[in-house]
Amino acid sequence: QVQLVESGGGLVQPGGSLRLSCAASATITRVAFMGWYRGEERELVASIRSGGSTDYGDAVKGRFTISGDLVTTAVYLRMDNLKPEDTAVYYCRIFESHVADYWGQGTQVTVSS
């Protein structure tokens, strides 16, 4: 069973930056989609498809950047100019075509002075 392990969360002041990482415990060969979500409602923050196209939630456009590595099956989220309203638990997700939909356990991001 493949597991996703997230890291990089923590406490940061408003205007600061964090980089979240998500790594799969084994190689996923047919990655179709990788993304980051946040909160209990799993709001989409950012996504990247296997072809490289990206999408961002309106609240984070221009501040967050998603990137992925299909060789190592990892996905990253660079978060700049963080705001208190970005505070949430962030979850990564990797969707493997016709096989499975994997989710991480979540990492807490707190933006506060």
Protein backbone atom coordinates (compact mmCIF):
# COMPACT_ATOMS: atom_id res chain seq x y z
CA GLN A 1 0.00 0.00 0.00
CA VAL A 2 1.52 3.29 -1.12
CA GLN A 3 1.59 6.03 1.49
CA LEU A 4 2.12 9.74 1.02
CA VAL A 5 4.27 11.50 3.58
CA GLU A 6 4.03 15.27 3.92
CA SER A 7 6.50 17.62 5.56
CA GLY A 8 7.34 21.29 5.78
CA GLY A 9 4.41 22.66 7.73
CA GLY A 10 4.82 24.87 10.75
CA LEU A 11 4.33 28.31 12.24
CA VAL A 12 5.22 31.36 10.19
CA GLN A 13 4.58 35.07 10.47
CA PRO A 14 2.35 36.88 7.98
CA GLY A 15 4.31 37.65 4.84
CA GLY A 16 6.60 34.69 5.37
CA SER A 17 7.18 31.60 3.27
CA LEU A 18 7.01 27.84 3.63
CA ARG A 19 7.67 24.91 1.31
CA LEU A 20 5.59 21.78 1.67
CA SER A 21 6.81 18.44 0.38
CA CYS A 22 4.94 15.22 -0.28
CA ALA A 23 6.71 11.99 -1.15
CA ALA A 24 5.27 8.62 -2.04
CA SER A 25 6.61 5.56 -0.22
CA ALA A 26 6.91 3.75 -3.55
CA THR A 27 7.07 4.79 -7.17
CA ILE A 28 3.70 5.47 -8.76
CA THR A 29 3.98 4.76 -12.44
CA ARG A 30 0.80 6.24 -13.94
CA VAL A 31 0.50 9.57 -12.19
CA ALA A 32 -2.27 11.58 -13.80
CA PHE A 33 -2.71 14.32 -11.24
CA MET A 34 -1.01 15.69 -8.13
CA GLY A 35 -2.48 18.33 -5.91
CA TRP A 36 -2.61 20.13 -2.60
CA TYR A 37 -5.81 20.72 -0.64
CA ARG A 38 -6.54 22.37 2.67
CA GLY A 39 -9.05 22.34 5.48
CA GLU A 40 -11.83 19.99 6.47
CA GLU A 41 -13.66 20.75 3.23
CA ARG A 42 -10.55 19.89 1.24
CA GLU A 43 -10.43 23.15 -0.69
CA LEU A 44 -8.27 22.78 -3.79
CA VAL A 45 -5.14 24.90 -3.39
CA ALA A 46 -3.11 23.88 -6.41
CA SER A 47 -2.80 21.03 -8.86
CA ILE A 48 -0.45 19.79 -11.54
CA ARG A 49 -1.18 17.26 -14.25
CA SER A 50 1.23 14.77 -15.74
CA GLY A 51 1.61 16.97 -18.80
CA GLY A 52 2.75 19.85 -16.62
CA SER A 53 -0.31 22.09 -16.65
CA THR A 54 -1.10 23.73 -13.33
CA ASP A 55 -4.16 25.20 -11.68
CA TYR A 56 -4.55 27.34 -8.56
CA GLY A 57 -7.35 28.35 -6.25
CA ASP A 58 -8.28 32.01 -6.54
CA ALA A 59 -7.18 32.69 -2.97
CA VAL A 60 -3.58 31.65 -3.63
CA LYS A 61 -2.93 32.70 -7.21
CA GLY A 62 0.27 34.65 -7.52
CA ARG A 63 1.51 33.54 -4.09
CA PHE A 64 1.77 29.76 -4.25
CA THR A 65 3.66 27.60 -6.73
CA ILE A 66 3.19 23.87 -7.23
CA SER A 67 5.81 21.59 -8.75
CA GLY A 68 6.12 17.87 -9.17
CA ASP A 69 8.66 15.16 -9.84
CA LEU A 70 7.27 12.16 -11.70
CA VAL A 71 10.52 10.21 -11.39
CA THR A 72 10.52 10.21 -7.61
CA THR A 73 6.74 10.69 -7.30
CA ALA A 74 6.88 13.81 -5.20
CA VAL A 75 4.93 17.04 -5.18
CA TYR A 76 5.88 20.37 -3.66
CA LEU A 77 4.09 23.57 -2.75
CA ARG A 78 6.01 26.79 -2.36
CA MET A 79 3.95 29.30 -0.37
CA ASP A 80 4.99 32.96 -0.33
CA ASN A 81 3.43 36.04 1.22
CA LEU A 82 1.45 33.88 3.60
CA LYS A 83 -1.64 35.33 5.24
CA PRO A 84 -3.49 34.34 8.43
CA GLU A 85 -6.34 33.00 6.31
CA ASP A 86 -3.92 30.44 4.84
CA THR A 87 -3.89 28.71 8.21
CA ALA A 88 -5.13 25.15 7.74
CA VAL A 89 -4.15 21.52 7.55
CA TYR A 90 -2.72 20.91 4.07
CA TYR A 91 -3.16 17.55 2.35
CA CYS A 92 -1.42 16.23 -0.72
CA ARG A 93 -3.11 13.97 -3.22
CA ILE A 94 -1.74 11.83 -6.03
CA PHE A 95 -4.11 10.21 -8.49
CA GLU A 96 -2.88 7.16 -10.40
CA SER A 97 -4.88 6.43 -13.55
CA HIS A 98 -7.18 3.41 -13.25
CA VAL A 99 -5.52 2.33 -10.02
CA ALA A 100 -5.91 4.47 -6.93
CA ASP A 101 -6.37 7.88 -5.37
CA TYR A 102 -3.81 8.51 -2.63
CA TRP A 103 -3.99 11.10 0.13
CA GLY A 104 -1.47 12.21 2.72
CA GLN A 105 -2.19 12.50 6.43
CA GLY A 106 -1.99 16.29 6.44
CA THR A 107 0.47 18.87 7.72
CA GLN A 108 -0.48 21.92 9.79
CA VAL A 109 0.34 25.39 8.51
CA THR A 110 -0.22 28.25 10.94
CA VAL A 111 0.25 31.88 9.92
CA SER A 112 0.29 34.15 12.93
CA SER A 113 2.29 36.96 14.46
